[in-house]
Amino acid sequence: MMDVKKLLKQIDEYRDFIIDLQTKMTACPAVTPHTKGGLGETAKAEVLLKTLKAMKFDEVRLLEIKDSSSPTGVRPNIVAKYYGENRQKTLWVMAHMDVVPPGDLKEWKTDPFQAVVKGDKIYGRGTEDNQQGLISGLLAVKAMMDAGMRPPVNYGLLLNADEEVGSDYGIIAVLKKYGKLFGKNDSFIVPDGGNSKGDMIEVAEKNILWLKITVTGKQTHASTPQNGNNAFVASAHLVVALRELYKKFNKKDRLFDVPYSVFEPTKHEPNVPNVNTIPGQDVFYLDCRILPCYTNKQVTEAANVIARSVAKKFKVKISVEPVMQDSSVPTDKNAPIVKLVAKYVKEVYRNSPKIQGVGGGTVASFLRNAGYPAVVYSKLDETMHQPNEYSSIKNTMGDAKVFLLAALNLK
């Protein structure tokens, strides 16, 4: 008979394993090769392949995606599977290998690519984002392996490249080229988002729409405005007029932490370099985070209606151009994997987990759009992308226990 308490206690004995793997991975600067000096994930993938094979997973596969920018010509993605009693179904833990650049080195107290352990914390670029989640997924299956037991269904690790800059060479390419690796009844846990309380279970994302808005008037000297048409003035009026989007798309959904759609002007491009010139062109951007009950097309059309009204009033030309957009279907909050994660988060961390949606985009959206239930969960100190990023060993172990319990009880 399976002794679950013994398995959970075993995870508490993996501190040295965590530190060793964090140290090895941190020493591999897995920054995208599309950034100057970036070497990609190859070195880190080699460390992980060696680790996975030593652990004797039943399957380990390297999925290479061509990328001419990479020093090796490819970007590595890894699939590893530990068979369960039912081999027709798999619980996947999905993490990413790439990291963001360290930024200003003067802000770091340690070398960002040399792991430094201080009590419960392991400092270094990538230690929390996403090496912590990766290791948590690994510890859960290590505990089962060390105990010589099999879960009810397969336990899989999906380790991707390119998450930080769009996933074109990661999960997007993997689903397109290797989609048959995943079964229709599979479920996913994505430990790449969360909060310091460990009580946020993310099952949905708002649609994301970035609009580039270009206002074209006529440039002239500032002392003779009658000879031109100030694009900046029209642009300013348009910024205010676009607040009408809040009224038009005003439904609320309490699943989301911000329960309504958001339409905010953000980036503003330079127009003229000198004070005494009226700009003939003005460009700004609108960041829209839209509840799934609306479509990006609806919002774009509404923004165009507003833009045409302003253009007519000020006798300028206005273009509204989507420069980035993404949307995903939510995971059913009653899906078995959602209920299991919520149950065991409460048990491990003794908190009251909340099932919710977020305004930001995550890699889970690609899985949801492909028809798989995906839960984004991890307990984070939220130091990702910051100088002096660190990972909590305690959080790593706690999340591993959540994943282990979910794996043992998914039928």
Protein backbone atom coordinates (compact mmCIF):
# COMPACT_ATOMS: atom_id res chain seq x y z
CA MET A 1 0.00 0.00 0.00
CA MET A 2 1.32 3.42 -0.94
CA ASP A 3 2.56 5.54 1.97
CA VAL A 4 1.83 9.10 0.79
CA LYS A 5 3.22 10.72 3.94
CA LYS A 6 6.51 8.94 3.36
CA LEU A 7 6.62 10.18 -0.24
CA LEU A 8 5.98 13.77 0.85
CA LYS A 9 8.63 13.53 3.52
CA GLN A 10 11.06 12.21 0.93
CA ILE A 11 10.75 15.49 -1.00
CA ASP A 12 12.04 17.31 2.10
CA GLU A 13 15.29 15.34 1.70
CA TYR A 14 16.02 16.74 -1.77
CA ARG A 15 17.65 20.03 -0.75
CA ASP A 16 21.07 19.01 -2.09
CA PHE A 17 19.51 17.84 -5.37
CA ILE A 18 17.76 21.21 -5.75
CA ILE A 19 20.91 23.20 -5.10
CA ASP A 20 23.02 21.04 -7.40
CA LEU A 21 20.61 21.30 -10.34
CA GLN A 22 19.99 25.02 -9.78
CA THR A 23 23.76 25.56 -9.78
CA LYS A 24 24.27 23.64 -13.01
CA MET A 25 21.38 25.30 -14.84
CA THR A 26 22.20 28.84 -13.67
CA ALA A 27 25.71 28.45 -15.06
CA CYS A 28 24.15 28.04 -18.53
CA PRO A 29 23.04 31.55 -19.66
CA ALA A 30 20.03 30.45 -21.68
CA VAL A 31 19.24 33.86 -23.17
CA THR A 32 17.55 33.85 -26.58
CA PRO A 33 19.98 33.96 -29.52
CA HIS A 34 17.77 36.69 -30.95
CA THR A 35 19.33 38.98 -28.34
CA LYS A 36 22.90 40.15 -28.93
CA GLY A 37 25.23 37.68 -27.27
CA GLY A 38 22.45 35.22 -26.43
CA LEU A 39 23.49 31.57 -26.70
CA GLY A 40 20.09 29.91 -26.41
CA GLU A 41 19.12 26.90 -24.35
CA THR A 42 21.50 24.24 -25.73
CA ALA A 43 23.90 24.06 -22.77
CA LYS A 44 21.05 23.94 -20.26
CA ALA A 45 19.26 21.29 -22.31
CA GLU A 46 22.40 19.13 -22.20
CA VAL A 47 22.46 19.38 -18.40
CA LEU A 48 18.82 18.39 -18.21
CA LEU A 49 19.08 15.54 -20.70
CA LYS A 50 21.91 14.07 -18.65
CA THR A 51 19.84 14.42 -15.47
CA LEU A 52 16.70 12.89 -16.97
CA LYS A 53 18.55 9.92 -18.44
CA ALA A 54 20.33 9.29 -15.13
CA MET A 55 16.93 9.23 -13.41
CA LYS A 56 15.84 6.55 -15.89
CA PHE A 57 12.67 8.05 -17.29
CA ASP A 58 10.85 5.59 -19.54
CA GLU A 59 11.05 8.03 -22.44
CA VAL A 60 13.34 11.00 -23.05
CA ARG A 61 13.15 12.85 -26.36
CA LEU A 62 14.95 15.90 -27.67
CA LEU A 63 12.76 17.91 -30.03
CA GLU A 64 14.87 20.28 -32.12
CA ILE A 65 13.32 23.27 -33.84
CA LYS A 66 15.34 24.97 -36.58
CA ASP A 67 16.51 28.50 -35.80
CA SER A 68 19.26 30.06 -37.90
CA SER A 69 19.96 32.61 -35.15
CA SER A 70 21.07 29.88 -32.75
CA PRO A 71 24.80 28.97 -32.67
CA THR A 72 23.76 25.34 -33.16
CA GLY A 73 21.11 26.10 -35.77
CA VAL A 74 18.34 24.65 -33.60
CA ARG A 75 16.44 25.33 -30.38
CA PRO A 76 16.01 22.38 -27.99
CA ASN A 77 12.75 21.23 -26.41
CA ILE A 78 12.60 18.15 -24.20
CA VAL A 79 9.90 15.59 -23.48
CA ALA A 80 10.33 13.03 -20.68
CA LYS A 81 7.74 10.51 -19.56
CA TYR A 82 7.42 8.18 -16.57
CA TYR A 83 4.80 5.55 -17.31
CA GLY A 84 1.71 5.17 -15.17
CA GLU A 85 -0.69 2.30 -14.75
CA ASN A 86 -2.81 3.83 -17.53
CA ARG A 87 -0.50 4.72 -20.39
CA GLN A 88 -3.27 6.33 -22.43
CA LYS A 89 -3.32 9.48 -20.30
CA THR A 90 -0.59 11.85 -19.11
CA LEU A 91 -0.29 14.59 -16.54
CA TRP A 92 2.30 17.02 -17.89
CA VAL A 93 4.30 19.58 -15.96
CA MET A 94 5.44 22.20 -18.44
CA ALA A 95 8.33 24.58 -17.76
CA HIS A 96 10.72 26.64 -19.87
CA MET A 97 14.48 26.62 -20.07
CA ASP A 98 15.19 30.11 -21.41
CA VAL A 99 15.84 33.14 -19.20
CA VAL A 100 15.84 36.89 -19.66
CA PRO A 101 19.12 38.85 -19.77
CA PRO A 102 20.49 39.95 -16.37
CA GLY A 103 20.13 43.67 -17.08
CA ASP A 104 22.33 46.17 -15.25
CA LEU A 105 25.06 44.11 -13.57
CA LYS A 106 25.67 46.93 -11.10
CA GLU A 107 22.28 46.13 -9.57
CA TRP A 108 23.31 42.56 -8.78
CA LYS A 109 24.96 41.65 -5.48
CA THR A 110 26.14 38.34 -6.95
CA ASP A 111 27.14 37.02 -10.37
CA PRO A 112 23.75 36.43 -12.09
CA PHE A 113 25.03 33.26 -13.72
CA GLN A 114 26.59 31.71 -10.62
CA ALA A 115 24.06 30.32 -8.16
CA VAL A 116 24.58 31.54 -4.60
CA VAL A 117 22.79 29.87 -1.70
CA LYS A 118 21.81 31.93 1.33
CA GLY A 119 19.60 29.99 3.71
CA ASP A 120 16.35 29.18 1.91
CA LYS A 121 17.22 31.31 -1.12
CA ILE A 122 19.17 30.47 -4.26
CA TYR A 123 20.22 33.63 -6.12
CA GLY A 124 20.82 33.79 -9.87
CA ARG A 125 19.15 34.64 -13.16
CA GLY A 126 16.46 32.10 -13.94
CA THR A 127 16.42 30.47 -10.50
CA GLU A 128 12.77 31.42 -9.96
CA ASP A 129 11.77 31.94 -13.59
CA ASN A 130 11.48 29.12 -14.49
CA GLN A 131 14.02 26.77 -12.92
CA GLN A 132 12.06 26.59 -9.69
CA GLY A 133 8.96 25.25 -11.45
CA LEU A 134 11.05 22.92 -13.58
CA ILE A 135 12.71 21.41 -10.51
CA SER A 136 9.40 21.13 -8.65
CA GLY A 137 8.07 19.07 -11.53
CA LEU A 138 11.19 16.93 -11.42
CA LEU A 139 11.07 16.36 -7.65
CA ALA A 140 7.52 15.01 -7.80
CA VAL A 141 8.50 12.22 -10.17
CA LYS A 142 11.83 11.65 -8.40
CA ALA A 143 9.93 10.84 -5.21
CA MET A 144 7.86 8.23 -7.07
CA MET A 145 10.93 6.77 -8.75
CA ASP A 146 12.88 6.56 -5.51
CA ALA A 147 9.94 4.76 -3.90
CA GLY A 148 9.65 2.37 -6.85
CA MET A 149 6.00 3.17 -7.48
CA ARG A 150 3.95 4.14 -10.49
CA PRO A 151 1.23 6.82 -10.67
CA PRO A 152 -2.30 6.05 -11.97
CA VAL A 153 -1.50 7.83 -15.27
CA ASN A 154 1.72 8.80 -17.02
CA TYR A 155 3.71 11.68 -15.54
CA GLY A 156 5.39 13.84 -18.18
CA LEU A 157 7.80 16.75 -18.25
CA LEU A 158 7.62 19.18 -21.16
CA LEU A 159 10.61 21.53 -21.12
CA ASN A 160 10.44 24.28 -23.70
CA ALA A 161 12.64 26.86 -25.36
CA ASP A 162 11.77 30.44 -26.26
CA GLU A 163 9.02 31.21 -23.72
CA GLU A 164 10.39 34.63 -22.83
CA VAL A 165 10.15 36.04 -26.34
CA GLY A 166 7.04 34.49 -27.85
CA SER A 167 7.42 30.67 -27.93
CA ASP A 168 7.80 30.46 -31.72
CA TYR A 169 10.64 27.96 -31.23
CA GLY A 170 9.04 26.45 -28.14
CA ILE A 171 5.50 25.25 -27.47
CA ILE A 172 4.04 26.75 -30.67
CA ALA A 173 6.44 24.73 -32.83
CA VAL A 174 6.18 21.65 -30.60
CA LEU A 175 2.38 21.55 -30.86
CA LYS A 176 2.58 22.06 -34.62
CA LYS A 177 5.34 19.54 -35.37
CA TYR A 178 5.02 17.04 -32.53
CA GLY A 179 1.39 17.42 -31.50
CA LYS A 180 0.79 13.65 -31.66
CA LEU A 181 2.90 13.28 -28.51
CA PHE A 182 -0.06 14.54 -26.51
CA GLY A 183 -3.31 12.65 -26.01
CA LYS A 184 -6.81 14.08 -26.02
CA ASN A 185 -7.24 13.25 -22.32
CA ASP A 186 -3.96 14.80 -21.17
CA SER A 187 -3.77 17.61 -18.61
CA PHE A 188 -1.11 20.24 -17.92
CA ILE A 189 0.29 22.07 -14.91
CA VAL A 190 2.34 25.13 -15.84
CA PRO A 191 4.41 26.33 -12.84
CA ASP A 192 5.23 29.70 -14.38
CA GLY A 193 2.94 32.11 -12.59
CA GLY A 194 1.64 32.68 -9.10
CA ASN A 195 2.02 34.83 -6.03
CA SER A 196 3.81 34.93 -2.69
CA LYS A 197 0.79 33.55 -0.82
CA GLY A 198 0.61 30.54 -3.09
CA ASP A 199 -3.17 30.89 -3.33
CA MET A 200 -3.65 31.82 -7.00
CA ILE A 201 -4.68 29.08 -9.42
CA GLU A 202 -4.89 30.57 -12.90
CA VAL A 203 -7.28 29.01 -15.41
CA ALA A 204 -8.02 31.86 -17.83
CA GLU A 205 -6.48 34.88 -19.51
CA LYS A 206 -7.92 37.98 -21.03
CA ASN A 207 -7.52 38.52 -24.75
CA ILE A 208 -4.54 40.75 -25.48
CA LEU A 209 -4.66 43.40 -28.20
CA TRP A 210 -2.02 46.06 -28.85
CA LEU A 211 -3.08 48.81 -31.23
CA LYS A 212 -0.67 51.17 -32.97
CA ILE A 213 -2.49 54.42 -33.68
CA THR A 214 -1.01 56.86 -36.19
CA VAL A 215 -2.43 60.38 -36.54
CA THR A 216 -1.31 62.30 -39.63
CA GLY A 217 -1.82 66.05 -40.00
CA LYS A 218 0.54 68.65 -41.50
CA GLN A 219 3.83 69.84 -40.04
CA THR A 220 4.55 73.56 -39.81
CA HIS A 221 6.30 76.19 -37.71
CA ALA A 222 4.75 76.63 -34.27
CA SER A 223 4.33 80.37 -34.85
CA THR A 224 2.06 79.76 -37.86
CA PRO A 225 -0.35 76.99 -36.84
CA GLN A 226 -2.83 78.12 -39.52
CA ASN A 227 -0.42 76.74 -42.13
CA GLY A 228 -0.48 73.21 -40.71
CA ASN A 229 -2.59 70.74 -38.80
CA ASN A 230 -1.34 69.68 -35.38
CA ALA A 231 -1.37 65.88 -35.24
CA PHE A 232 -0.50 65.98 -31.54
CA VAL A 233 -3.68 67.90 -30.70
CA ALA A 234 -5.84 65.42 -32.58
CA SER A 235 -3.94 62.57 -30.97
CA ALA A 236 -4.57 63.98 -27.49
CA HIS A 237 -8.29 64.23 -28.18
CA LEU A 238 -8.28 60.68 -29.52
CA VAL A 239 -6.60 59.37 -26.35
CA VAL A 240 -9.46 60.84 -24.32
CA ALA A 241 -12.14 59.69 -26.78
CA LEU A 242 -10.88 56.10 -26.60
CA ARG A 243 -11.91 56.01 -22.93
CA GLU A 244 -15.36 55.33 -24.39
CA LEU A 245 -14.19 51.74 -24.90
CA TYR A 246 -14.57 51.23 -21.16
CA LYS A 247 -18.28 52.13 -21.46
CA LYS A 248 -18.91 50.07 -24.57
CA PHE A 249 -17.20 46.90 -23.32
CA ASN A 250 -18.34 47.12 -19.73
CA LYS A 251 -19.24 43.56 -18.74
CA LYS A 252 -17.65 42.15 -15.61
CA ASP A 253 -16.35 38.67 -14.82
CA ARG A 254 -15.42 37.97 -11.19
CA LEU A 255 -13.19 35.10 -12.31
CA PHE A 256 -10.58 37.74 -13.15
CA ASP A 257 -8.57 39.67 -10.58
CA VAL A 258 -9.38 42.86 -12.51
CA PRO A 259 -12.98 41.91 -13.37
CA TYR A 260 -13.40 44.18 -16.41
CA SER A 261 -11.72 44.86 -19.74
CA VAL A 262 -8.86 47.36 -19.75
CA PHE A 263 -7.96 49.87 -22.50
CA GLU A 264 -4.91 51.96 -21.65
CA PRO A 265 -2.70 54.26 -23.77
CA THR A 266 0.93 53.38 -23.13
CA LYS A 267 3.89 53.97 -25.42
CA HIS A 268 4.17 57.33 -27.21
CA GLU A 269 6.69 57.66 -30.03
CA PRO A 270 8.76 60.87 -30.44
CA ASN A 271 7.16 63.23 -32.93
CA VAL A 272 9.36 66.31 -33.57
CA PRO A 273 12.83 66.92 -32.05
CA ASN A 274 12.42 70.66 -31.46
CA VAL A 275 9.95 72.81 -29.54
CA ASN A 276 9.08 75.26 -32.30
CA THR A 277 7.65 72.77 -34.80
CA ILE A 278 4.06 71.56 -34.91
CA PRO A 279 4.15 67.80 -35.53
CA GLY A 280 2.57 66.47 -38.70
CA GLN A 281 2.46 62.95 -37.30
CA ASP A 282 1.87 61.50 -33.85
CA VAL A 283 1.98 57.83 -32.90
CA PHE A 284 0.85 56.13 -29.71
CA TYR A 285 -0.19 52.66 -28.60
CA LEU A 286 -3.23 51.26 -26.81
CA ASP A 287 -2.81 48.16 -24.63
CA CYS A 288 -6.13 46.31 -24.41
CA ARG A 289 -6.78 43.39 -22.03
CA ILE A 290 -10.21 42.11 -23.01
CA LEU A 291 -12.58 39.73 -21.26
CA PRO A 292 -13.12 36.54 -23.30
CA CYS A 293 -16.79 37.43 -23.83
CA TYR A 294 -15.58 40.03 -26.37
CA THR A 295 -13.34 39.56 -29.40
CA ASN A 296 -10.29 41.51 -30.49
CA LYS A 297 -12.08 42.23 -33.75
CA GLN A 298 -14.98 43.90 -31.93
CA VAL A 299 -12.61 46.17 -30.01
CA THR A 300 -10.58 47.04 -33.11
CA GLU A 301 -13.73 47.98 -35.00
CA ALA A 302 -14.96 50.11 -32.10
CA ALA A 303 -11.60 51.90 -31.88
CA ASN A 304 -11.80 52.60 -35.62
CA VAL A 305 -15.27 54.15 -35.25
CA ILE A 306 -13.94 56.49 -32.56
CA ALA A 307 -10.86 57.28 -34.64
CA ARG A 308 -12.95 58.18 -37.70
CA SER A 309 -14.99 60.60 -35.61
CA VAL A 310 -11.88 62.36 -34.32
CA ALA A 311 -10.31 62.36 -37.78
CA LYS A 312 -13.37 64.09 -39.22
CA LYS A 313 -13.47 66.68 -36.45
CA PHE A 314 -9.80 67.63 -36.74
CA LYS A 315 -9.39 66.99 -40.49
CA VAL A 316 -6.55 64.49 -40.02
CA LYS A 317 -5.92 60.92 -41.12
CA ILE A 318 -5.87 58.19 -38.50
CA SER A 319 -4.86 54.55 -38.86
CA VAL A 320 -5.55 51.91 -36.20
CA GLU A 321 -3.26 48.91 -36.65
CA PRO A 322 -3.16 45.76 -34.45
CA VAL A 323 0.53 45.00 -33.85
CA MET A 324 0.04 42.13 -31.41
CA GLN A 325 -2.95 40.09 -30.44
CA ASP A 326 -3.60 36.86 -28.61
CA SER A 327 -6.63 35.12 -27.23
CA SER A 328 -7.31 31.84 -25.49
CA VAL A 329 -10.23 29.80 -24.28
CA PRO A 330 -10.38 29.32 -20.51
CA THR A 331 -9.84 26.03 -18.74
CA ASP A 332 -13.07 24.82 -17.15
CA LYS A 333 -12.76 25.59 -13.43
CA ASN A 334 -14.49 22.25 -12.77
CA ALA A 335 -11.91 20.25 -14.75
CA PRO A 336 -10.39 17.41 -12.67
CA ILE A 337 -6.87 18.87 -12.78
CA VAL A 338 -8.14 22.23 -11.52
CA LYS A 339 -9.97 20.64 -8.60
CA LEU A 340 -6.98 18.47 -7.72
CA VAL A 341 -4.50 21.35 -7.74
CA ALA A 342 -6.86 23.47 -5.62
CA LYS A 343 -7.37 20.62 -3.15
CA TYR A 344 -3.68 19.94 -2.66
CA VAL A 345 -2.58 23.56 -2.62
CA LYS A 346 -4.92 23.95 0.33
CA GLU A 347 -3.54 20.81 1.96
CA VAL A 348 0.15 21.59 1.45
CA TYR A 349 0.13 25.34 2.13
CA ARG A 350 -2.91 25.46 4.44
CA ASN A 351 -4.38 28.45 2.62
CA SER A 352 -7.58 29.19 0.75
CA PRO A 353 -6.72 28.98 -2.96
CA LYS A 354 -8.60 31.11 -5.48
CA ILE A 355 -9.38 29.91 -8.99
CA GLN A 356 -9.08 32.96 -11.22
CA GLY A 357 -8.14 34.56 -14.50
CA VAL A 358 -5.39 37.09 -15.18
CA GLY A 359 -4.83 40.04 -17.46
CA GLY A 360 -1.37 38.99 -18.58
CA GLY A 361 -0.55 36.33 -21.13
CA THR A 362 1.02 32.98 -20.32
CA VAL A 363 2.26 30.07 -22.35
CA ALA A 364 -0.74 28.07 -21.11
CA SER A 365 -2.88 29.87 -23.68
CA PHE A 366 -1.33 27.78 -26.46
CA LEU A 367 -2.28 24.59 -24.64
CA ARG A 368 -5.83 25.77 -23.97
CA ASN A 369 -6.31 26.76 -27.60
CA ALA A 370 -5.15 23.28 -28.56
CA GLY A 371 -7.92 21.81 -26.41
CA TYR A 372 -6.02 20.83 -23.26
CA PRO A 373 -6.99 21.78 -19.69
CA ALA A 374 -4.08 23.77 -18.28
CA VAL A 375 -3.55 25.16 -14.79
CA VAL A 376 -0.92 27.81 -14.10
CA TYR A 377 0.29 27.44 -10.53
CA SER A 378 3.35 27.98 -8.37
CA LYS A 379 4.20 29.67 -5.10
CA LEU A 380 6.61 32.48 -5.94
CA ASP A 381 8.41 35.24 -4.10
CA GLU A 382 7.93 37.14 -7.39
CA THR A 383 11.55 38.10 -8.08
CA MET A 384 11.50 37.01 -11.72
CA HIS A 385 13.13 39.39 -14.21
CA GLN A 386 14.52 41.49 -11.34
CA PRO A 387 18.13 42.06 -10.30
CA ASN A 388 19.05 39.60 -7.54
CA GLU A 389 16.39 37.13 -8.62
CA TYR A 390 16.16 34.18 -6.26
CA SER A 391 14.24 30.96 -5.76
CA SER A 392 12.90 29.65 -2.46
CA ILE A 393 13.91 26.06 -1.70
CA LYS A 394 10.86 25.75 0.55
CA ASN A 395 8.55 26.85 -2.28
CA THR A 396 10.24 24.41 -4.66
CA MET A 397 9.54 21.53 -2.30
CA GLY A 398 6.02 22.69 -1.51
CA ASP A 399 5.01 22.90 -5.17
CA ALA A 400 6.57 19.48 -5.78
CA LYS A 401 4.26 18.06 -3.12
CA VAL A 402 1.24 19.66 -4.80
CA PHE A 403 2.24 18.15 -8.16
CA LEU A 404 2.93 14.75 -6.61
CA LEU A 405 -0.44 14.60 -4.87
CA ALA A 406 -2.21 15.68 -8.05
CA ALA A 407 -0.38 12.99 -10.04
CA LEU A 408 -1.27 10.29 -7.52
CA ASN A 409 -4.95 11.15 -7.62
CA LEU A 410 -5.63 11.93 -11.29
CA LYS A 411 -7.58 9.07 -12.81
